[in-house]
Amino acid sequence: MMKRLIVLVCALLLSACSSTTIHPAAPPAAQLFSDQSFAVASEDVGAEQILAATPAMKRYVDEALRSQRDKPPHRALFDALYRRDQLKIEYDSANTRTAAQTFEARAGNCISLVIMTAALAREMGLQVQFQNVSVDESWSRSGSLYISSGHVNIVLGRNKMYQASYDANAYLVIDFLPPADIRSLDARQIDEKTVLAMFMNNRAAESLVAGKLDNAYWWARGAILQDPDFYSAYNTLGVIYKQHGDLALAERTMRYMAQLTPSSTVPLYNLARILDSMGRDAEAKTVREQLARMEPNPPFHYFNLGLKAMEEGQYFKARALFAREVERQPGYHEFHFWLALAAYKLGDLRLADKHLKLALENSTTRRDHELYAGKLERLRAEGIRLRGGRGSDPD
């Protein structure tokens, strides 16, 4: 089983998280929060900044969007977001950015795109609707943290002056996913407070990964206060306490998270690790037995076995294990990379090339993209060298 902590970020809503769910009362703030244990955040962790439009954004709306008299306002914004010579946003999962930061960087993750679009749309007087999109749960990792991600998008509604009659084009969906993929997925409307909580939870997780525990705490705390029904923030807070060494608070918070989401294994994985750190081995064993019944092969199960096989030089075994993880989650770049590495160790340059290309195509940060591009270039140079400079690159 996974022996590392799990954080939930980027718009993950568990199956038990509908707005009508009745959940146990939250512990009093004095029991759930521990403000005195953390220094003041080194950055602005308030909700007001998240959707704020800068003067540059307002000028863009006035000069580039409102000037398009031949288009309804929502179509002008939609077109601008998808044209490379205008606002085309590059997908980058490394950072969750405010509306202003996304506008300036022209890059961000799904939350960043939604936040920036909402800020611009409101400057134009447009209606917006936030949506949680039902996608298969995806996992990634950063060091000792495992991260589960979901997906959100935003729907632009026409200005009231364009709503005299029903029109299928009156509403346009803004999303990083292709339109055909969006149409095949279920989406559920969510409130702005939930989107803000998701943003803050993302920032908490990113701060945690960066080792900035004080910032992480205040972001997670803010997410809970913003929307107490966004349960993932409780899990993140519990992980922060664990990393900070506040084990009693970590246990209390994680047990509450487990109450909120009884069908989820995530808080139980984290609870087992917390109990380990407290020396309560028997209780940790009981939790792991429950986990084994609920999910015998958790995310990264075969991947971790594959890493062990690589360390032992068992490359055939490692290749098979990595292939099983690729089959379970074909869109995660790191699985393809390690499968490529195992293939390379076995001298199968064609398979290594194939999965390095897939790692490159599925990378979600500029850093990873550059890393895989460099490795793919070196692999192909190696293939040419072994063939004595003859022939084409491997497929």
Protein backbone atom coordinates (compact mmCIF):
# COMPACT_ATOMS: atom_id res chain seq x y z
CA MET A 1 0.00 0.00 0.00
CA MET A 2 0.98 3.61 -0.43
CA LYS A 3 3.17 4.67 2.43
CA ARG A 4 3.08 8.38 1.63
CA LEU A 5 0.62 11.17 2.26
CA ILE A 6 -2.12 12.00 -0.19
CA VAL A 7 -3.37 15.49 -1.02
CA LEU A 8 -6.48 16.27 -3.04
CA VAL A 9 -6.25 19.32 -5.28
CA CYS A 10 -7.58 21.01 -8.42
CA ALA A 11 -11.31 20.72 -8.22
CA LEU A 12 -11.67 17.23 -6.85
CA LEU A 13 -15.15 16.59 -5.48
CA LEU A 14 -15.66 13.19 -3.88
CA SER A 15 -18.78 11.16 -4.59
CA ALA A 16 -20.21 12.07 -1.20
CA CYS A 17 -19.85 15.80 -1.78
CA SER A 18 -23.23 16.80 -3.17
CA SER A 19 -24.75 19.95 -1.74
CA THR A 20 -27.57 17.94 -0.13
CA THR A 21 -25.29 15.62 1.81
CA ILE A 22 -25.83 15.73 5.57
CA HIS A 23 -22.47 15.55 7.32
CA PRO A 24 -21.35 15.56 10.94
CA ALA A 25 -20.89 18.94 12.55
CA ALA A 26 -17.41 20.35 12.16
CA PRO A 27 -15.31 20.50 15.32
CA PRO A 28 -15.16 24.00 16.84
CA ALA A 29 -12.56 26.20 15.17
CA ALA A 30 -10.48 26.14 18.33
CA GLN A 31 -10.16 22.37 17.90
CA LEU A 32 -9.82 22.26 14.12
CA PHE A 33 -7.49 25.22 13.56
CA SER A 34 -4.20 26.02 15.25
CA ASP A 35 -3.36 29.57 14.22
CA GLN A 36 -0.79 29.98 16.96
CA SER A 37 1.31 27.15 15.52
CA PHE A 38 1.97 28.90 12.20
CA ALA A 39 3.69 32.13 11.24
CA VAL A 40 1.90 34.80 9.22
CA ALA A 41 1.72 33.87 5.54
CA SER A 42 4.36 35.39 3.28
CA GLU A 43 1.78 36.04 0.54
CA ASP A 44 -1.76 37.33 0.27
CA VAL A 45 -4.07 34.42 1.13
CA GLY A 46 -7.32 36.39 0.94
CA ALA A 47 -10.19 35.50 -1.37
CA GLU A 48 -10.67 39.07 -2.64
CA GLN A 49 -7.58 38.99 -4.88
CA ILE A 50 -8.48 35.76 -6.68
CA LEU A 51 -11.08 37.17 -9.08
CA ALA A 52 -9.89 40.77 -9.08
CA ALA A 53 -9.36 42.40 -12.50
CA THR A 54 -6.31 44.60 -12.96
CA PRO A 55 -6.22 47.88 -14.93
CA ALA A 56 -4.50 45.98 -17.76
CA MET A 57 -7.38 43.48 -17.88
CA LYS A 58 -9.95 46.28 -17.91
CA ARG A 59 -8.13 48.01 -20.75
CA TYR A 60 -8.09 44.76 -22.70
CA VAL A 61 -11.84 44.40 -22.26
CA ASP A 62 -12.44 47.99 -23.41
CA GLU A 63 -9.98 48.07 -26.30
CA ALA A 64 -9.94 44.50 -27.64
CA LEU A 65 -13.32 43.00 -26.75
CA ARG A 66 -15.98 45.69 -26.53
CA SER A 67 -14.71 47.15 -29.80
CA GLN A 68 -15.87 44.05 -31.70
CA ARG A 69 -19.29 45.39 -32.65
CA ASP A 70 -19.98 42.53 -35.07
CA LYS A 71 -20.03 39.91 -32.29
CA PRO A 72 -22.03 39.31 -29.12
CA PRO A 73 -19.77 39.96 -26.09
CA HIS A 74 -19.61 36.33 -25.02
CA ARG A 75 -18.49 35.28 -28.52
CA ALA A 76 -15.81 37.98 -28.57
CA LEU A 77 -14.37 36.69 -25.28
CA PHE A 78 -14.68 33.06 -26.38
CA ASP A 79 -12.77 33.73 -29.60
CA ALA A 80 -10.08 35.70 -27.78
CA LEU A 81 -9.46 32.84 -25.35
CA TYR A 82 -8.82 30.38 -28.17
CA ARG A 83 -6.81 32.55 -30.56
CA ARG A 84 -3.04 32.37 -30.19
CA ASP A 85 -2.59 36.01 -31.19
CA GLN A 86 -4.90 37.11 -28.37
CA LEU A 87 -5.47 35.42 -24.98
CA LYS A 88 -4.64 31.81 -25.82
CA ILE A 89 -3.75 30.27 -22.43
CA GLU A 90 -1.09 27.58 -22.27
CA TYR A 91 -1.88 24.67 -19.96
CA ASP A 92 0.58 24.47 -17.07
CA SER A 93 -0.37 22.41 -14.03
CA ALA A 94 2.61 23.59 -11.96
CA ASN A 95 0.88 26.67 -10.54
CA THR A 96 -2.62 27.82 -9.69
CA ARG A 97 -2.78 31.49 -10.62
CA THR A 98 -5.18 34.29 -9.80
CA ALA A 99 -7.08 36.00 -12.61
CA ALA A 100 -4.43 38.72 -12.80
CA GLN A 101 -1.50 36.29 -12.74
CA THR A 102 -3.05 34.09 -15.43
CA PHE A 103 -3.73 37.11 -17.65
CA GLU A 104 -0.13 38.27 -17.28
CA ALA A 105 1.52 34.83 -17.71
CA ARG A 106 -0.91 33.53 -20.36
CA ALA A 107 -0.58 30.15 -18.62
CA GLY A 108 -2.28 28.19 -15.86
CA ASN A 109 -4.24 25.09 -14.94
CA CYS A 110 -7.99 24.51 -15.25
CA ILE A 111 -8.82 26.58 -12.16
CA SER A 112 -6.60 29.42 -13.42
CA LEU A 113 -8.39 29.49 -16.78
CA VAL A 114 -11.79 29.49 -15.08
CA ILE A 115 -10.81 32.27 -12.66
CA MET A 116 -9.39 34.56 -15.36
CA THR A 117 -12.34 33.96 -17.69
CA ALA A 118 -14.82 34.79 -14.92
CA ALA A 119 -13.02 38.03 -14.10
CA LEU A 120 -13.00 39.18 -17.73
CA ALA A 121 -16.59 38.08 -18.31
CA ARG A 122 -17.83 40.09 -15.36
CA GLU A 123 -16.02 43.17 -16.61
CA MET A 124 -18.10 42.70 -19.77
CA GLY A 125 -21.35 42.27 -17.85
CA LEU A 126 -21.69 38.62 -18.83
CA GLN A 127 -23.27 35.87 -16.80
CA VAL A 128 -20.99 33.01 -15.78
CA GLN A 129 -21.67 29.53 -14.48
CA PHE A 130 -19.01 27.35 -12.85
CA GLN A 131 -19.09 23.60 -13.42
CA ASN A 132 -17.48 20.57 -11.88
CA VAL A 133 -16.84 18.11 -14.71
CA SER A 134 -17.04 14.36 -14.11
CA VAL A 135 -13.75 12.91 -15.30
CA ASP A 136 -11.92 9.77 -14.27
CA GLU A 137 -9.93 10.41 -11.11
CA SER A 138 -6.31 11.05 -12.02
CA TRP A 139 -3.27 10.82 -9.79
CA SER A 140 0.16 12.39 -9.86
CA ARG A 141 2.96 12.72 -7.39
CA SER A 142 5.43 15.33 -6.20
CA GLY A 143 8.15 13.95 -3.97
CA SER A 144 6.47 12.21 -1.05
CA LEU A 145 3.02 13.58 -1.84
CA TYR A 146 0.41 11.88 -4.02
CA ILE A 147 -2.08 14.25 -5.60
CA SER A 148 -5.56 13.49 -6.91
CA SER A 149 -7.03 15.92 -9.42
CA GLY A 150 -10.40 16.64 -10.94
CA HIS A 151 -11.61 19.19 -13.47
CA VAL A 152 -13.68 22.36 -13.67
CA ASN A 153 -14.78 24.64 -16.49
CA ILE A 154 -16.90 27.74 -16.99
CA VAL A 155 -19.94 28.57 -19.11
CA LEU A 156 -20.34 32.06 -20.59
CA GLY A 157 -23.89 33.38 -20.93
CA ARG A 158 -24.87 36.19 -23.22
CA ASN A 159 -25.43 39.71 -21.98
CA LYS A 160 -29.15 40.26 -21.27
CA MET A 161 -29.56 42.35 -24.42
CA TYR A 162 -28.82 39.21 -26.48
CA GLN A 163 -31.29 36.93 -24.62
CA ALA A 164 -34.58 37.94 -26.20
CA SER A 165 -35.14 34.37 -27.42
CA TYR A 166 -33.63 30.93 -26.93
CA ASP A 167 -30.46 30.27 -28.89
CA ALA A 168 -28.25 27.19 -28.57
CA ASN A 169 -25.25 29.48 -29.07
CA ALA A 170 -26.26 31.72 -26.18
CA TYR A 171 -23.97 29.75 -23.88
CA LEU A 172 -20.35 28.86 -24.61
CA VAL A 173 -18.15 26.52 -22.56
CA ILE A 174 -14.54 27.53 -21.85
CA ASP A 175 -12.33 24.52 -21.22
CA PHE A 176 -8.89 23.11 -21.97
CA LEU A 177 -10.57 19.90 -23.17
CA PRO A 178 -11.66 19.66 -26.84
CA PRO A 179 -15.37 20.41 -27.43
CA ALA A 180 -16.12 16.81 -28.46
CA ASP A 181 -14.71 15.53 -25.16
CA ILE A 182 -16.69 18.07 -23.13
CA ARG A 183 -20.00 17.07 -24.69
CA SER A 184 -19.51 13.46 -23.61
CA LEU A 185 -18.92 14.35 -19.95
CA ASP A 186 -21.38 15.08 -17.17
CA ALA A 187 -21.07 18.49 -15.53
CA ARG A 188 -22.64 19.83 -12.35
CA GLN A 189 -23.07 23.49 -11.50
CA ILE A 190 -21.10 24.69 -8.47
CA ASP A 191 -21.12 27.93 -6.53
CA GLU A 192 -18.46 30.60 -6.67
CA LYS A 193 -17.57 29.90 -3.03
CA THR A 194 -16.67 26.33 -4.01
CA VAL A 195 -14.46 27.52 -6.87
CA LEU A 196 -12.67 29.88 -4.48
CA ALA A 197 -12.23 27.05 -1.98
CA MET A 198 -10.81 24.86 -4.75
CA PHE A 199 -8.37 27.62 -5.69
CA MET A 200 -7.24 28.03 -2.08
CA ASN A 201 -6.92 24.28 -1.60
CA ASN A 202 -4.73 24.10 -4.71
CA ARG A 203 -2.54 26.87 -3.34
CA ALA A 204 -2.32 25.02 -0.03
CA ALA A 205 -1.17 21.85 -1.77
CA GLU A 206 1.34 23.74 -3.92
CA SER A 207 2.75 25.48 -0.84
CA LEU A 208 2.97 22.11 0.88
CA VAL A 209 4.93 20.66 -2.03
CA ALA A 210 7.26 23.68 -1.89
CA GLY A 211 7.84 23.17 1.85
CA LYS A 212 6.09 26.44 2.77
CA LEU A 213 3.99 25.03 5.58
CA ASP A 214 2.91 28.37 7.03
CA ASN A 215 1.43 29.49 3.71
CA ALA A 216 -0.08 26.05 3.20
CA TYR A 217 -1.87 26.23 6.54
CA TRP A 218 -3.45 29.62 5.89
CA TRP A 219 -4.56 28.64 2.39
CA ALA A 220 -6.19 25.41 3.66
CA ARG A 221 -7.82 27.23 6.57
CA GLY A 222 -9.16 29.81 4.14
CA ALA A 223 -10.56 27.10 1.87
CA ILE A 224 -12.51 25.55 4.76
CA LEU A 225 -13.92 28.90 5.84
CA GLN A 226 -14.79 29.77 2.24
CA ASP A 227 -16.81 26.57 1.73
CA PRO A 228 -17.09 24.12 4.64
CA ASP A 229 -18.70 21.60 2.26
CA PHE A 230 -15.59 21.36 0.08
CA TYR A 231 -14.26 18.34 1.92
CA SER A 232 -10.88 18.02 0.22
CA ALA A 233 -9.62 21.02 2.20
CA TYR A 234 -9.95 19.08 5.46
CA ASN A 235 -7.73 16.37 4.05
CA THR A 236 -5.16 18.93 2.95
CA LEU A 237 -5.21 20.54 6.39
CA GLY A 238 -4.62 17.16 8.01
CA VAL A 239 -1.63 16.50 5.74
CA ILE A 240 -0.21 19.92 6.63
CA TYR A 241 -0.49 19.13 10.34
CA LYS A 242 1.24 15.80 9.76
CA GLN A 243 4.12 17.47 7.91
CA HIS A 244 4.31 20.15 10.62
CA GLY A 245 4.56 17.54 13.38
CA ASP A 246 1.17 18.36 14.94
CA LEU A 247 0.10 14.72 15.06
CA ALA A 248 -2.88 15.02 17.41
CA LEU A 249 -4.40 17.73 15.21
CA ALA A 250 -3.55 15.73 12.11
CA GLU A 251 -5.38 12.71 13.51
CA ARG A 252 -8.42 14.73 14.58
CA THR A 253 -8.72 16.43 11.20
CA MET A 254 -8.21 13.24 9.21
CA ARG A 255 -10.77 11.32 11.24
CA TYR A 256 -13.25 14.11 10.58
CA MET A 257 -12.45 13.90 6.87
CA ALA A 258 -13.04 10.14 7.03
CA GLN A 259 -16.46 10.80 8.58
CA LEU A 260 -17.33 13.20 5.79
CA THR A 261 -16.33 10.78 3.04
CA PRO A 262 -16.88 7.23 4.29
CA SER A 263 -16.49 5.71 0.81
CA SER A 264 -13.11 7.35 0.20
CA THR A 265 -9.82 5.62 0.97
CA VAL A 266 -7.79 8.86 0.85
CA PRO A 267 -8.18 9.96 4.49
CA LEU A 268 -7.63 6.38 5.65
CA TYR A 269 -4.26 6.17 3.88
CA ASN A 270 -3.22 9.37 5.56
CA LEU A 271 -4.63 8.30 8.91
CA ALA A 272 -2.60 5.10 8.84
CA ARG A 273 0.60 7.09 8.29
CA ILE A 274 -0.31 9.47 11.10
CA LEU A 275 -0.90 6.57 13.48
CA ASP A 276 2.45 5.10 12.43
CA SER A 277 4.15 8.36 13.40
CA MET A 278 2.40 8.27 16.77
CA GLY A 279 3.65 4.75 17.45
CA ARG A 280 0.13 3.31 17.47
CA ASP A 281 1.00 0.33 15.29
CA ALA A 282 -2.02 -1.82 16.16
CA GLU A 283 -4.47 0.92 15.18
CA ALA A 284 -2.55 1.62 11.99
CA LYS A 285 -2.71 -2.07 11.12
CA THR A 286 -6.49 -2.08 11.62
CA VAL A 287 -6.86 0.90 9.27
CA ARG A 288 -4.70 -0.79 6.64
CA GLU A 289 -6.78 -3.94 6.84
CA GLN A 290 -9.86 -1.82 6.16
CA LEU A 291 -8.05 -0.20 3.25
CA ALA A 292 -7.08 -3.56 1.78
CA ARG A 293 -10.75 -4.56 1.75
CA MET A 294 -11.84 -1.29 0.17
CA GLU A 295 -9.05 -0.97 -2.43
CA PRO A 296 -6.63 -3.89 -2.84
CA ASN A 297 -4.57 -2.16 -5.55
CA PRO A 298 -4.49 1.58 -4.85
CA PRO A 299 -3.12 4.23 -7.22
CA PHE A 300 0.63 3.88 -7.81
CA HIS A 301 0.56 0.30 -6.47
CA TYR A 302 2.14 -1.28 -9.55
CA PHE A 303 4.32 1.79 -10.10
CA ASN A 304 5.95 1.48 -6.68
CA LEU A 305 6.50 -2.24 -7.25
CA GLY A 306 8.04 -1.33 -10.60
CA LEU A 307 10.45 1.12 -8.97
CA LYS A 308 11.54 -1.62 -6.58
CA ALA A 309 12.07 -4.00 -9.49
CA MET A 310 14.19 -1.35 -11.26
CA GLU A 311 16.37 -0.95 -8.17
CA GLU A 312 16.91 -4.72 -8.15
CA GLY A 313 17.76 -4.81 -11.86
CA GLN A 314 14.64 -6.84 -12.72
CA TYR A 315 13.82 -4.89 -15.87
CA PHE A 316 11.41 -7.39 -17.45
CA LYS A 317 9.35 -7.38 -14.26
CA ALA A 318 9.54 -3.59 -14.01
CA ARG A 319 8.39 -3.16 -17.60
CA ALA A 320 5.34 -5.33 -16.97
CA LEU A 321 4.45 -3.46 -13.77
CA PHE A 322 4.79 -0.04 -15.35
CA ALA A 323 2.66 -1.25 -18.26
CA ARG A 324 -0.11 -2.14 -15.79
CA GLU A 325 -0.08 1.39 -14.38
CA VAL A 326 -0.15 2.84 -17.91
CA GLU A 327 -3.18 0.70 -18.62
CA ARG A 328 -4.94 2.02 -15.51
CA GLN A 329 -4.02 5.67 -16.12
CA PRO A 330 -2.77 6.18 -19.68
CA GLY A 331 -2.65 9.96 -19.36
CA TYR A 332 0.01 10.23 -16.65
CA HIS A 333 3.40 11.15 -18.05
CA GLU A 334 5.59 9.62 -15.33
CA PHE A 335 4.25 6.11 -15.92
CA HIS A 336 5.20 6.36 -19.59
CA PHE A 337 8.64 7.70 -18.70
CA TRP A 338 9.48 4.79 -16.40
CA LEU A 339 8.11 2.28 -18.88
CA ALA A 340 10.40 3.87 -21.47
CA LEU A 341 13.35 3.63 -19.09
CA ALA A 342 12.69 -0.07 -18.40
CA ALA A 343 12.44 -0.71 -22.15
CA TYR A 344 15.71 1.14 -22.70
CA LYS A 345 17.43 -1.03 -20.08
CA LEU A 346 16.22 -4.06 -22.02
CA GLY A 347 17.59 -2.65 -25.29
CA ASP A 348 14.13 -2.08 -26.78
CA LEU A 349 14.71 1.40 -28.20
CA ARG A 350 11.52 1.35 -30.28
CA LEU A 351 9.32 0.84 -27.21
CA ALA A 352 11.39 3.35 -25.25
CA ASP A 353 10.89 5.92 -28.01
CA LYS A 354 7.16 5.28 -28.11
CA HIS A 355 6.64 5.85 -24.40
CA LEU A 356 9.00 8.81 -24.16
CA LYS A 357 6.88 10.47 -26.85
CA LEU A 358 3.77 9.69 -24.81
CA ALA A 359 5.43 11.09 -21.69
CA LEU A 360 6.20 14.24 -23.65
CA GLU A 361 2.66 14.52 -25.03
CA ASN A 362 1.08 14.00 -21.60
CA SER A 363 3.39 16.30 -19.65
CA THR A 364 1.52 19.12 -17.93
CA THR A 365 4.31 21.51 -16.97
CA ARG A 366 6.92 23.32 -19.01
CA ARG A 367 9.65 21.77 -16.88
CA ASP A 368 8.50 18.21 -17.58
CA HIS A 369 7.99 18.97 -21.26
CA GLU A 370 11.57 20.21 -21.59
CA LEU A 371 12.89 17.24 -19.60
CA TYR A 372 11.20 14.63 -21.79
CA ALA A 373 12.03 16.48 -24.99
CA GLY A 374 15.71 16.38 -24.05
CA LYS A 375 15.62 12.68 -23.16
CA LEU A 376 13.78 11.82 -26.36
CA GLU A 377 16.38 13.68 -28.42
CA ARG A 378 19.21 11.80 -26.69
CA LEU A 379 17.44 8.46 -27.14
CA ARG A 380 17.01 9.03 -30.85
CA ALA A 381 20.65 10.06 -31.15
CA GLU A 382 21.57 6.80 -29.41
CA GLY A 383 19.39 4.85 -31.85
CA ILE A 384 21.10 6.47 -34.83
CA ARG A 385 24.52 5.77 -33.33
CA LEU A 386 23.72 2.08 -32.79
CA ARG A 387 22.57 1.80 -36.41
CA GLY A 388 25.79 3.39 -37.59
CA GLY A 389 24.04 6.55 -38.72
CA ARG A 390 21.70 4.67 -41.08
CA GLY A 391 17.95 4.71 -41.29
CA SER A 392 15.25 6.90 -39.79
CA ASP A 393 14.40 7.62 -36.19
CA PRO A 394 12.44 4.95 -34.30
CA ASP A 395 8.66 5.24 -34.58
